[in-house]
Amino acid sequence: MRIRTVLALSTAATALLLAVPQSGSAAPRPVRPAKCAEKVLKLRAGQSADPTVVHISVTNRSARTCTVDRIPTVTFGDLDGAALPTPVGESGPYRIGAGRTAYAAVRTIADPADPEARRVDAITVSADPSRFGRAFTARELGAGDAVLVWEPLTTWWKPSVAAADKALDNK
């Protein structure tokens, strides 16, 4: 009888020790910033000096760091699909500090004389594929009446326009 009591107490004590966090036994998990609320983001887009490239940006207007998807979602008028990321990769979080801006470059078409080029009157940019984003007309972009599109590419968000252009130039 005595052995059962000691065994029962030992089992209860072990369960209690396992339930209580042990200091220093495990590294603390880093706190991840929350996803940026759509209302705190300001999206911009405009034609670059190169007529085949559009610069886009997203600014975090909140007082806290938050995250957007590391690959901007860029769609073209009523065409199916979105610009492909370069480098190739999967979605993931990209941190934007309070009041900071991230930039990406989008190559809409490699060769404007390409006979397969499509013409669209607007592009839509989103910092998260689960959100609608903001549409920019060709005129707002500074592209005239239409944006030429064929096999478009987009960079991941970068800390500067120069870094975004460099990432696109490497492709």
C-alpha atoms as a PDB file:
ATOM      1  CA  MET A   1       0.000   0.000   0.000  1.00  0.00           C
ATOM      2  CA  ARG A   2       2.799   2.340   0.846  1.00  0.00           C
ATOM      3  CA  ILE A   3       4.478   1.863  -2.554  1.00  0.00           C
ATOM      4  CA  ARG A   4       1.281   2.905  -4.365  1.00  0.00           C
ATOM      5  CA  THR A   5       1.004   6.137  -2.347  1.00  0.00           C
ATOM      6  CA  VAL A   6       4.617   7.126  -3.043  1.00  0.00           C
ATOM      7  CA  LEU A   7       4.165   6.257  -6.725  1.00  0.00           C
ATOM      8  CA  ALA A   8       0.953   8.316  -6.928  1.00  0.00           C
ATOM      9  CA  LEU A   9       2.632  11.312  -5.258  1.00  0.00           C
ATOM     10  CA  SER A  10       5.621  10.985  -7.574  1.00  0.00           C
ATOM     11  CA  THR A  11       3.377  10.940 -10.650  1.00  0.00           C
ATOM     12  CA  ALA A  12       1.425  13.975  -9.427  1.00  0.00           C
ATOM     13  CA  ALA A  13       4.644  15.892  -8.689  1.00  0.00           C
ATOM     14  CA  THR A  14       6.032  15.092 -12.148  1.00  0.00           C
ATOM     15  CA  ALA A  15       2.836  16.300 -13.813  1.00  0.00           C
ATOM     16  CA  LEU A  16       2.970  19.518 -11.789  1.00  0.00           C
ATOM     17  CA  LEU A  17       6.606  20.154 -12.714  1.00  0.00           C
ATOM     18  CA  LEU A  18       5.852  19.620 -16.391  1.00  0.00           C
ATOM     19  CA  ALA A  19       2.963  22.101 -16.252  1.00  0.00           C
ATOM     20  CA  VAL A  20       5.051  24.907 -14.703  1.00  0.00           C
ATOM     21  CA  PRO A  21       7.340  26.755 -17.166  1.00  0.00           C
ATOM     22  CA  GLN A  22      10.984  26.329 -16.258  1.00  0.00           C
ATOM     23  CA  SER A  23      13.032  29.510 -16.340  1.00  0.00           C
ATOM     24  CA  GLY A  24      16.017  29.302 -18.622  1.00  0.00           C
ATOM     25  CA  SER A  25      15.030  25.908 -19.996  1.00  0.00           C
ATOM     26  CA  ALA A  26      13.779  27.190 -23.338  1.00  0.00           C
ATOM     27  CA  ALA A  27      14.550  30.248 -25.409  1.00  0.00           C
ATOM     28  CA  PRO A  28      11.696  32.746 -25.498  1.00  0.00           C
ATOM     29  CA  ARG A  29       9.771  32.809 -28.738  1.00  0.00           C
ATOM     30  CA  PRO A  30      10.198  36.034 -30.667  1.00  0.00           C
ATOM     31  CA  VAL A  31       7.098  38.184 -30.842  1.00  0.00           C
ATOM     32  CA  ARG A  32       5.948  38.567 -34.431  1.00  0.00           C
ATOM     33  CA  PRO A  33       4.382  41.848 -35.438  1.00  0.00           C
ATOM     34  CA  ALA A  34       0.741  41.669 -36.416  1.00  0.00           C
ATOM     35  CA  LYS A  35      -0.381  41.801 -40.025  1.00  0.00           C
ATOM     36  CA  CYS A  36      -0.865  45.403 -41.156  1.00  0.00           C
ATOM     37  CA  ALA A  37      -4.486  46.512 -41.209  1.00  0.00           C
ATOM     38  CA  GLU A  38      -5.451  47.626 -44.702  1.00  0.00           C
ATOM     39  CA  LYS A  39      -6.502  51.060 -43.427  1.00  0.00           C
ATOM     40  CA  VAL A  40      -2.944  51.864 -42.197  1.00  0.00           C
ATOM     41  CA  LEU A  41      -1.311  51.108 -45.548  1.00  0.00           C
ATOM     42  CA  LYS A  42      -0.817  53.642 -48.328  1.00  0.00           C
ATOM     43  CA  LEU A  43      -0.129  52.120 -51.746  1.00  0.00           C
ATOM     44  CA  ARG A  44       1.459  54.113 -54.577  1.00  0.00           C
ATOM     45  CA  ALA A  45       2.433  53.254 -58.141  1.00  0.00           C
ATOM     46  CA  GLY A  46       4.001  55.118 -61.044  1.00  0.00           C
ATOM     47  CA  GLN A  47       5.851  54.590 -64.300  1.00  0.00           C
ATOM     48  CA  SER A  48       9.627  54.619 -63.958  1.00  0.00           C
ATOM     49  CA  ALA A  49      12.010  56.211 -66.477  1.00  0.00           C
ATOM     50  CA  ASP A  50      11.967  52.806 -68.202  1.00  0.00           C
ATOM     51  CA  PRO A  51       8.537  52.466 -69.888  1.00  0.00           C
ATOM     52  CA  THR A  52       8.510  48.715 -69.184  1.00  0.00           C
ATOM     53  CA  VAL A  53       8.850  49.178 -65.407  1.00  0.00           C
ATOM     54  CA  VAL A  54       6.374  50.407 -62.808  1.00  0.00           C
ATOM     55  CA  HIS A  55       7.539  51.347 -59.321  1.00  0.00           C
ATOM     56  CA  ILE A  56       5.205  50.509 -56.445  1.00  0.00           C
ATOM     57  CA  SER A  57       5.421  51.275 -52.749  1.00  0.00           C
ATOM     58  CA  VAL A  58       3.588  50.600 -49.523  1.00  0.00           C
ATOM     59  CA  THR A  59       3.822  52.850 -46.462  1.00  0.00           C
ATOM     60  CA  ASN A  60       2.901  51.793 -42.938  1.00  0.00           C
ATOM     61  CA  ARG A  61       1.085  54.837 -41.528  1.00  0.00           C
ATOM     62  CA  SER A  62       0.543  53.264 -38.107  1.00  0.00           C
ATOM     63  CA  ALA A  63       2.559  53.818 -34.929  1.00  0.00           C
ATOM     64  CA  ARG A  64       3.684  50.154 -34.771  1.00  0.00           C
ATOM     65  CA  THR A  65       5.700  47.768 -36.877  1.00  0.00           C
ATOM     66  CA  CYS A  66       3.470  45.381 -38.804  1.00  0.00           C
ATOM     67  CA  THR A  67       3.798  42.920 -41.676  1.00  0.00           C
ATOM     68  CA  VAL A  68       2.639  42.645 -45.270  1.00  0.00           C
ATOM     69  CA  ASP A  69       3.227  39.748 -47.634  1.00  0.00           C
ATOM     70  CA  ARG A  70       6.836  39.819 -48.868  1.00  0.00           C
ATOM     71  CA  ILE A  71       5.609  39.505 -52.465  1.00  0.00           C
ATOM     72  CA  PRO A  72       3.326  42.303 -53.662  1.00  0.00           C
ATOM     73  CA  THR A  73       0.308  41.123 -55.627  1.00  0.00           C
ATOM     74  CA  VAL A  74       0.104  42.958 -58.955  1.00  0.00           C
ATOM     75  CA  THR A  75      -2.697  42.182 -61.404  1.00  0.00           C
ATOM     76  CA  PHE A  76      -3.439  43.682 -64.803  1.00  0.00           C
ATOM     77  CA  GLY A  77      -6.897  44.862 -65.842  1.00  0.00           C
ATOM     78  CA  ASP A  78      -9.168  41.902 -66.501  1.00  0.00           C
ATOM     79  CA  LEU A  79      -6.314  39.520 -67.406  1.00  0.00           C
ATOM     80  CA  ASP A  80      -5.933  36.311 -65.411  1.00  0.00           C
ATOM     81  CA  GLY A  81      -3.055  35.889 -62.995  1.00  0.00           C
ATOM     82  CA  ALA A  82      -0.576  38.168 -61.315  1.00  0.00           C
ATOM     83  CA  ALA A  83       3.010  39.234 -61.912  1.00  0.00           C
ATOM     84  CA  LEU A  84       5.409  36.421 -61.044  1.00  0.00           C
ATOM     85  CA  PRO A  85       7.861  37.050 -58.201  1.00  0.00           C
ATOM     86  CA  THR A  86      11.570  37.394 -58.759  1.00  0.00           C
ATOM     87  CA  PRO A  87      13.275  35.679 -57.134  1.00  0.00           C
ATOM     88  CA  VAL A  88      10.869  32.771 -57.213  1.00  0.00           C
ATOM     89  CA  GLY A  89       9.527  32.159 -53.726  1.00  0.00           C
ATOM     90  CA  GLU A  90       6.540  31.691 -51.527  1.00  0.00           C
ATOM     91  CA  SER A  91       4.501  34.111 -49.504  1.00  0.00           C
ATOM     92  CA  GLY A  92       5.806  35.122 -46.119  1.00  0.00           C
ATOM     93  CA  PRO A  93       5.810  38.132 -43.818  1.00  0.00           C
ATOM     94  CA  TYR A  94       7.750  41.319 -44.553  1.00  0.00           C
ATOM     95  CA  ARG A  95       8.162  43.730 -41.648  1.00  0.00           C
ATOM     96  CA  ILE A  96       7.504  47.415 -42.170  1.00  0.00           C
ATOM     97  CA  GLY A  97       8.391  49.726 -39.321  1.00  0.00           C
ATOM     98  CA  ALA A  98       6.078  52.497 -38.169  1.00  0.00           C
ATOM     99  CA  GLY A  99       6.075  55.290 -40.748  1.00  0.00           C
ATOM    100  CA  ARG A 100       8.389  53.328 -43.076  1.00  0.00           C
ATOM    101  CA  THR A 101       7.961  52.524 -46.767  1.00  0.00           C
ATOM    102  CA  ALA A 102       8.822  49.411 -48.784  1.00  0.00           C
ATOM    103  CA  TYR A 103       9.357  49.403 -52.548  1.00  0.00           C
ATOM    104  CA  ALA A 104       9.050  46.971 -55.444  1.00  0.00           C
ATOM    105  CA  ALA A 105       9.667  47.141 -59.183  1.00  0.00           C
ATOM    106  CA  VAL A 106       7.344  45.513 -61.722  1.00  0.00           C
ATOM    107  CA  ARG A 107       8.457  44.707 -65.262  1.00  0.00           C
ATOM    108  CA  THR A 108       5.199  44.641 -67.194  1.00  0.00           C
ATOM    109  CA  ILE A 109       6.738  43.499 -70.487  1.00  0.00           C
ATOM    110  CA  ALA A 110      10.257  42.633 -71.627  1.00  0.00           C
ATOM    111  CA  ASP A 111       9.864  43.862 -75.212  1.00  0.00           C
ATOM    112  CA  PRO A 112       7.206  46.497 -76.032  1.00  0.00           C
ATOM    113  CA  ALA A 113       7.239  45.293 -79.678  1.00  0.00           C
ATOM    114  CA  ASP A 114       6.248  41.755 -78.610  1.00  0.00           C
ATOM    115  CA  PRO A 115       3.300  40.727 -80.836  1.00  0.00           C
ATOM    116  CA  GLU A 116       1.727  38.870 -77.893  1.00  0.00           C
ATOM    117  CA  ALA A 117       1.576  42.008 -75.749  1.00  0.00           C
ATOM    118  CA  ARG A 118      -1.752  42.766 -74.119  1.00  0.00           C
ATOM    119  CA  ARG A 119      -3.026  46.233 -73.328  1.00  0.00           C
ATOM    120  CA  VAL A 120      -4.762  47.014 -70.056  1.00  0.00           C
ATOM    121  CA  ASP A 121      -6.166  50.285 -68.794  1.00  0.00           C
ATOM    122  CA  ALA A 122      -5.220  49.676 -65.132  1.00  0.00           C
ATOM    123  CA  ILE A 123      -3.143  47.632 -62.720  1.00  0.00           C
ATOM    124  CA  THR A 124      -4.098  46.659 -59.195  1.00  0.00           C
ATOM    125  CA  VAL A 125      -1.553  46.489 -56.392  1.00  0.00           C
ATOM    126  CA  SER A 126      -2.047  44.775 -53.044  1.00  0.00           C
ATOM    127  CA  ALA A 127       0.328  44.275 -50.124  1.00  0.00           C
ATOM    128  CA  ASP A 128      -1.518  41.059 -49.247  1.00  0.00           C
ATOM    129  CA  PRO A 129      -3.014  38.510 -51.670  1.00  0.00           C
ATOM    130  CA  SER A 130      -6.117  38.172 -49.488  1.00  0.00           C
ATOM    131  CA  ARG A 131      -7.014  41.856 -49.968  1.00  0.00           C
ATOM    132  CA  PHE A 132      -8.334  43.778 -52.946  1.00  0.00           C
ATOM    133  CA  GLY A 133      -5.623  46.438 -52.982  1.00  0.00           C
ATOM    134  CA  ARG A 134      -5.766  49.631 -55.018  1.00  0.00           C
ATOM    135  CA  ALA A 135      -6.271  50.090 -58.757  1.00  0.00           C
ATOM    136  CA  PHE A 136      -4.149  52.577 -60.704  1.00  0.00           C
ATOM    137  CA  THR A 137      -5.225  53.621 -64.195  1.00  0.00           C
ATOM    138  CA  ALA A 138      -2.661  53.781 -66.987  1.00  0.00           C
ATOM    139  CA  ARG A 139      -2.996  57.575 -66.887  1.00  0.00           C
ATOM    140  CA  GLU A 140      -2.381  57.679 -63.103  1.00  0.00           C
ATOM    141  CA  LEU A 141       0.747  55.599 -63.659  1.00  0.00           C
ATOM    142  CA  GLY A 142       1.969  57.979 -66.339  1.00  0.00           C
ATOM    143  CA  ALA A 143       1.769  55.232 -68.980  1.00  0.00           C
ATOM    144  CA  GLY A 144      -0.649  56.988 -71.364  1.00  0.00           C
ATOM    145  CA  ASP A 145      -3.772  55.130 -72.514  1.00  0.00           C
ATOM    146  CA  ALA A 146      -2.612  51.585 -71.734  1.00  0.00           C
ATOM    147  CA  VAL A 147      -0.063  49.459 -69.934  1.00  0.00           C
ATOM    148  CA  LEU A 148       1.577  46.838 -72.148  1.00  0.00           C
ATOM    149  CA  VAL A 149       1.706  43.442 -70.456  1.00  0.00           C
ATOM    150  CA  TRP A 150       3.325  40.119 -71.278  1.00  0.00           C
ATOM    151  CA  GLU A 151       4.901  37.757 -68.721  1.00  0.00           C
ATOM    152  CA  PRO A 152       5.150  40.409 -65.966  1.00  0.00           C
ATOM    153  CA  LEU A 153       7.591  40.089 -63.043  1.00  0.00           C
ATOM    154  CA  THR A 154       7.590  41.756 -59.636  1.00  0.00           C
ATOM    155  CA  THR A 155      10.364  41.996 -57.084  1.00  0.00           C
ATOM    156  CA  TRP A 156       9.813  41.274 -53.425  1.00  0.00           C
ATOM    157  CA  TRP A 157       9.419  44.347 -51.209  1.00  0.00           C
ATOM    158  CA  LYS A 158      12.755  46.116 -50.729  1.00  0.00           C
ATOM    159  CA  PRO A 159      13.924  48.952 -48.452  1.00  0.00           C
ATOM    160  CA  SER A 160      14.577  51.330 -51.387  1.00  0.00           C
ATOM    161  CA  VAL A 161      13.673  51.955 -55.030  1.00  0.00           C
ATOM    162  CA  ALA A 162      17.317  51.341 -55.963  1.00  0.00           C
ATOM    163  CA  ALA A 163      17.266  47.924 -54.271  1.00  0.00           C
ATOM    164  CA  ALA A 164      14.027  47.035 -56.091  1.00  0.00           C
ATOM    165  CA  ASP A 165      15.474  48.120 -59.447  1.00  0.00           C
ATOM    166  CA  LYS A 166      18.650  46.131 -58.781  1.00  0.00           C
ATOM    167  CA  ALA A 167      16.608  42.996 -57.964  1.00  0.00           C
ATOM    168  CA  LEU A 168      14.693  43.423 -61.237  1.00  0.00           C
ATOM    169  CA  ASP A 169      17.892  44.063 -63.218  1.00  0.00           C
ATOM    170  CA  ASN A 170      19.323  40.784 -61.939  1.00  0.00           C
ATOM    171  CA  LYS A 171      16.513  38.929 -63.715  1.00  0.00           C
END
